[in-house]
């Protein structure tokens, strides 16, 4: 996966490795739409610098819980 910024490559790749296989069809569709969002917005959301759009709040929360940002 190659995105606009390296941090999001690392975060989303780690999340996909950990959770993608277990996502429901609805969750997978939401995650797929999330990937269309701007990397800078995504980074702000996962790093708690701004609140995500309501549509993505659950998946962003799951990313925050799943990915150990200290090890990236």
N, C-alpha and C. Protein backbone atom coordinates (compact mmCIF):
# COMPACT_ATOMS: atom_id res chain seq x y z
N UNK A 1 0.84 -1.17 0.00
CA UNK A 1 0.00 0.00 0.00
C UNK A 1 0.89 1.23 0.00
N UNK A 2 0.63 2.13 -0.89
CA UNK A 2 1.35 3.41 -0.93
C UNK A 2 0.33 4.53 -0.96
N UNK A 3 0.43 5.40 0.02
CA UNK A 3 -0.49 6.52 0.12
C UNK A 3 0.32 7.81 0.03
N UNK A 4 -0.29 8.91 0.40
CA UNK A 4 0.37 10.20 0.29
C UNK A 4 1.45 10.45 1.33
N UNK A 5 1.26 9.94 2.53
CA UNK A 5 2.27 10.15 3.57
C UNK A 5 2.64 8.81 4.21
N UNK A 6 3.90 8.68 4.55
CA UNK A 6 4.46 7.42 5.06
C UNK A 6 3.76 6.95 6.33
N UNK A 7 3.42 7.87 7.21
CA UNK A 7 2.77 7.50 8.47
C UNK A 7 1.48 6.72 8.21
N UNK A 8 0.71 7.18 7.23
CA UNK A 8 -0.54 6.49 6.94
C UNK A 8 -0.28 5.15 6.28
N UNK A 9 0.77 5.03 5.49
CA UNK A 9 1.16 3.72 4.95
C UNK A 9 1.38 2.74 6.10
N UNK A 10 2.13 3.16 7.09
CA UNK A 10 2.45 2.30 8.23
C UNK A 10 1.22 1.97 9.06
N UNK A 11 0.43 2.97 9.37
CA UNK A 11 -0.75 2.78 10.22
C UNK A 11 -1.77 1.88 9.54
N UNK A 12 -2.11 2.20 8.29
CA UNK A 12 -3.15 1.44 7.61
C UNK A 12 -2.69 0.04 7.24
N UNK A 13 -1.43 -0.12 6.92
CA UNK A 13 -0.90 -1.47 6.64
C UNK A 13 -0.96 -2.33 7.89
N UNK A 14 -0.55 -1.76 9.02
CA UNK A 14 -0.59 -2.51 10.29
C UNK A 14 -2.03 -2.87 10.64
N UNK A 15 -2.94 -1.92 10.50
CA UNK A 15 -4.35 -2.18 10.80
C UNK A 15 -4.89 -3.29 9.89
N UNK A 16 -4.61 -3.21 8.61
CA UNK A 16 -5.08 -4.23 7.67
C UNK A 16 -4.55 -5.60 8.05
N UNK A 17 -3.29 -5.68 8.41
CA UNK A 17 -2.70 -6.96 8.83
C UNK A 17 -3.41 -7.53 10.06
N UNK A 18 -3.77 -6.66 10.98
CA UNK A 18 -4.36 -7.10 12.23
C UNK A 18 -5.85 -7.40 12.15
N UNK A 19 -6.58 -6.62 11.35
CA UNK A 19 -8.05 -6.66 11.46
C UNK A 19 -8.82 -6.99 10.17
N UNK A 20 -8.22 -6.79 9.02
CA UNK A 20 -8.97 -6.87 7.77
C UNK A 20 -9.72 -8.19 7.60
N UNK A 21 -9.11 -9.29 7.92
CA UNK A 21 -9.73 -10.60 7.74
C UNK A 21 -10.97 -10.79 8.60
N UNK A 22 -11.08 -10.05 9.69
CA UNK A 22 -12.20 -10.22 10.62
C UNK A 22 -13.31 -9.19 10.45
N UNK A 23 -13.17 -8.25 9.51
CA UNK A 23 -14.18 -7.23 9.33
C UNK A 23 -15.41 -7.80 8.65
N UNK A 24 -16.58 -7.32 9.07
CA UNK A 24 -17.83 -7.69 8.40
C UNK A 24 -17.89 -6.98 7.04
N UNK A 25 -18.85 -7.34 6.23
CA UNK A 25 -19.01 -6.68 4.93
C UNK A 25 -19.26 -5.18 5.10
N UNK A 26 -20.06 -4.82 6.07
CA UNK A 26 -20.36 -3.40 6.32
C UNK A 26 -19.10 -2.68 6.77
N UNK A 27 -18.36 -3.27 7.70
CA UNK A 27 -17.12 -2.66 8.17
C UNK A 27 -16.09 -2.55 7.04
N UNK A 28 -16.03 -3.56 6.22
CA UNK A 28 -15.10 -3.55 5.10
C UNK A 28 -15.45 -2.46 4.10
N UNK A 29 -16.74 -2.26 3.85
CA UNK A 29 -17.18 -1.19 2.95
C UNK A 29 -16.84 0.18 3.52
N UNK A 30 -17.01 0.34 4.82
CA UNK A 30 -16.66 1.61 5.47
C UNK A 30 -15.16 1.85 5.39
N UNK A 31 -14.37 0.81 5.64
CA UNK A 31 -12.92 0.92 5.56
C UNK A 31 -12.49 1.29 4.14
N UNK A 32 -13.14 0.68 3.16
CA UNK A 32 -12.83 0.99 1.76
C UNK A 32 -13.12 2.46 1.45
N UNK A 33 -14.23 2.99 1.94
CA UNK A 33 -14.53 4.42 1.74
C UNK A 33 -13.52 5.30 2.48
N UNK A 34 -13.09 4.84 3.65
CA UNK A 34 -12.10 5.58 4.42
C UNK A 34 -10.81 5.76 3.62
N UNK A 35 -10.43 4.74 2.87
CA UNK A 35 -9.19 4.80 2.09
C UNK A 35 -9.23 5.87 1.00
N UNK A 36 -10.42 6.34 0.65
CA UNK A 36 -10.55 7.40 -0.34
C UNK A 36 -10.35 8.79 0.26
N UNK A 37 -10.30 8.87 1.58
CA UNK A 37 -10.14 10.16 2.25
C UNK A 37 -8.70 10.66 2.14
N UNK A 38 -8.54 11.94 2.31
CA UNK A 38 -7.24 12.59 2.26
C UNK A 38 -6.35 12.10 3.41
N UNK A 39 -5.11 11.78 3.09
CA UNK A 39 -4.18 11.27 4.11
C UNK A 39 -3.99 12.23 5.28
N UNK A 40 -3.95 13.50 5.01
CA UNK A 40 -3.73 14.46 6.09
C UNK A 40 -4.93 14.46 7.04
N UNK A 41 -6.14 14.33 6.49
CA UNK A 41 -7.32 14.21 7.35
C UNK A 41 -7.27 12.93 8.16
N UNK A 42 -6.93 11.82 7.49
CA UNK A 42 -6.83 10.54 8.19
C UNK A 42 -5.84 10.61 9.34
N UNK A 43 -4.69 11.19 9.08
CA UNK A 43 -3.68 11.28 10.13
C UNK A 43 -4.18 12.11 11.31
N UNK A 44 -4.85 13.21 11.02
CA UNK A 44 -5.43 14.04 12.09
C UNK A 44 -6.43 13.24 12.91
N UNK A 45 -7.22 12.41 12.25
CA UNK A 45 -8.23 11.61 12.94
C UNK A 45 -7.58 10.53 13.81
N UNK A 46 -6.67 9.75 13.25
CA UNK A 46 -6.10 8.64 14.03
C UNK A 46 -5.19 9.12 15.14
N UNK A 47 -4.63 10.32 14.99
CA UNK A 47 -3.75 10.87 16.02
C UNK A 47 -4.49 11.76 17.02
N UNK A 48 -5.82 11.75 16.94
CA UNK A 48 -6.68 12.50 17.88
C UNK A 48 -6.47 14.00 17.82
N UNK A 49 -6.00 14.50 16.70
CA UNK A 49 -5.84 15.94 16.54
C UNK A 49 -7.13 16.60 16.08
N UNK A 50 -8.02 15.80 15.48
CA UNK A 50 -9.35 16.29 15.12
C UNK A 50 -10.31 15.11 15.13
N UNK A 51 -11.59 15.42 15.20
CA UNK A 51 -12.61 14.38 15.24
C UNK A 51 -12.90 13.90 13.82
N UNK A 52 -13.04 12.58 13.64
CA UNK A 52 -13.35 12.05 12.32
C UNK A 52 -14.79 12.35 11.93
N UNK A 53 -15.06 12.26 10.65
CA UNK A 53 -16.43 12.34 10.19
C UNK A 53 -17.21 11.23 10.88
N UNK A 54 -18.47 11.46 11.17
CA UNK A 54 -19.28 10.50 11.90
C UNK A 54 -19.29 9.12 11.23
N UNK A 55 -19.32 9.11 9.91
CA UNK A 55 -19.33 7.86 9.15
C UNK A 55 -18.12 6.97 9.48
N UNK A 56 -16.99 7.61 9.81
CA UNK A 56 -15.75 6.88 10.03
C UNK A 56 -15.35 6.76 11.50
N UNK A 57 -16.16 7.24 12.40
CA UNK A 57 -15.79 7.28 13.82
C UNK A 57 -15.47 5.90 14.37
N UNK A 58 -16.27 4.89 14.03
CA UNK A 58 -16.02 3.55 14.57
C UNK A 58 -14.73 2.95 14.05
N UNK A 59 -14.49 3.06 12.75
CA UNK A 59 -13.28 2.46 12.19
C UNK A 59 -12.04 3.21 12.68
N UNK A 60 -12.13 4.52 12.83
CA UNK A 60 -11.00 5.28 13.36
C UNK A 60 -10.72 4.86 14.80
N UNK A 61 -11.76 4.67 15.58
CA UNK A 61 -11.58 4.20 16.96
C UNK A 61 -10.93 2.82 16.97
N UNK A 62 -11.35 1.95 16.07
CA UNK A 62 -10.77 0.61 15.99
C UNK A 62 -9.30 0.67 15.58
N UNK A 63 -8.97 1.56 14.65
CA UNK A 63 -7.57 1.74 14.25
C UNK A 63 -6.75 2.20 15.44
N UNK A 64 -7.26 3.17 16.18
CA UNK A 64 -6.55 3.68 17.36
C UNK A 64 -6.29 2.58 18.38
N UNK A 65 -7.26 1.70 18.55
CA UNK A 65 -7.12 0.62 19.53
C UNK A 65 -6.20 -0.49 19.03
N UNK A 66 -6.25 -0.78 17.75
CA UNK A 66 -5.52 -1.92 17.19
C UNK A 66 -4.05 -1.65 16.98
N UNK A 67 -3.72 -0.44 16.57
CA UNK A 67 -2.35 -0.13 16.16
C UNK A 67 -1.58 0.49 17.33
N UNK A 68 -0.47 -0.10 17.66
CA UNK A 68 0.41 0.45 18.68
C UNK A 68 1.31 1.49 18.02
N UNK A 69 0.96 2.73 18.18
CA UNK A 69 1.66 3.82 17.49
C UNK A 69 3.11 3.97 17.96
N UNK A 70 3.42 3.46 19.12
CA UNK A 70 4.78 3.56 19.66
C UNK A 70 5.74 2.66 18.90
N UNK A 71 5.21 1.62 18.26
CA UNK A 71 6.08 0.68 17.56
C UNK A 71 6.24 0.99 16.06
N UNK A 72 5.58 2.02 15.60
CA UNK A 72 5.65 2.34 14.17
C UNK A 72 6.93 3.06 13.82
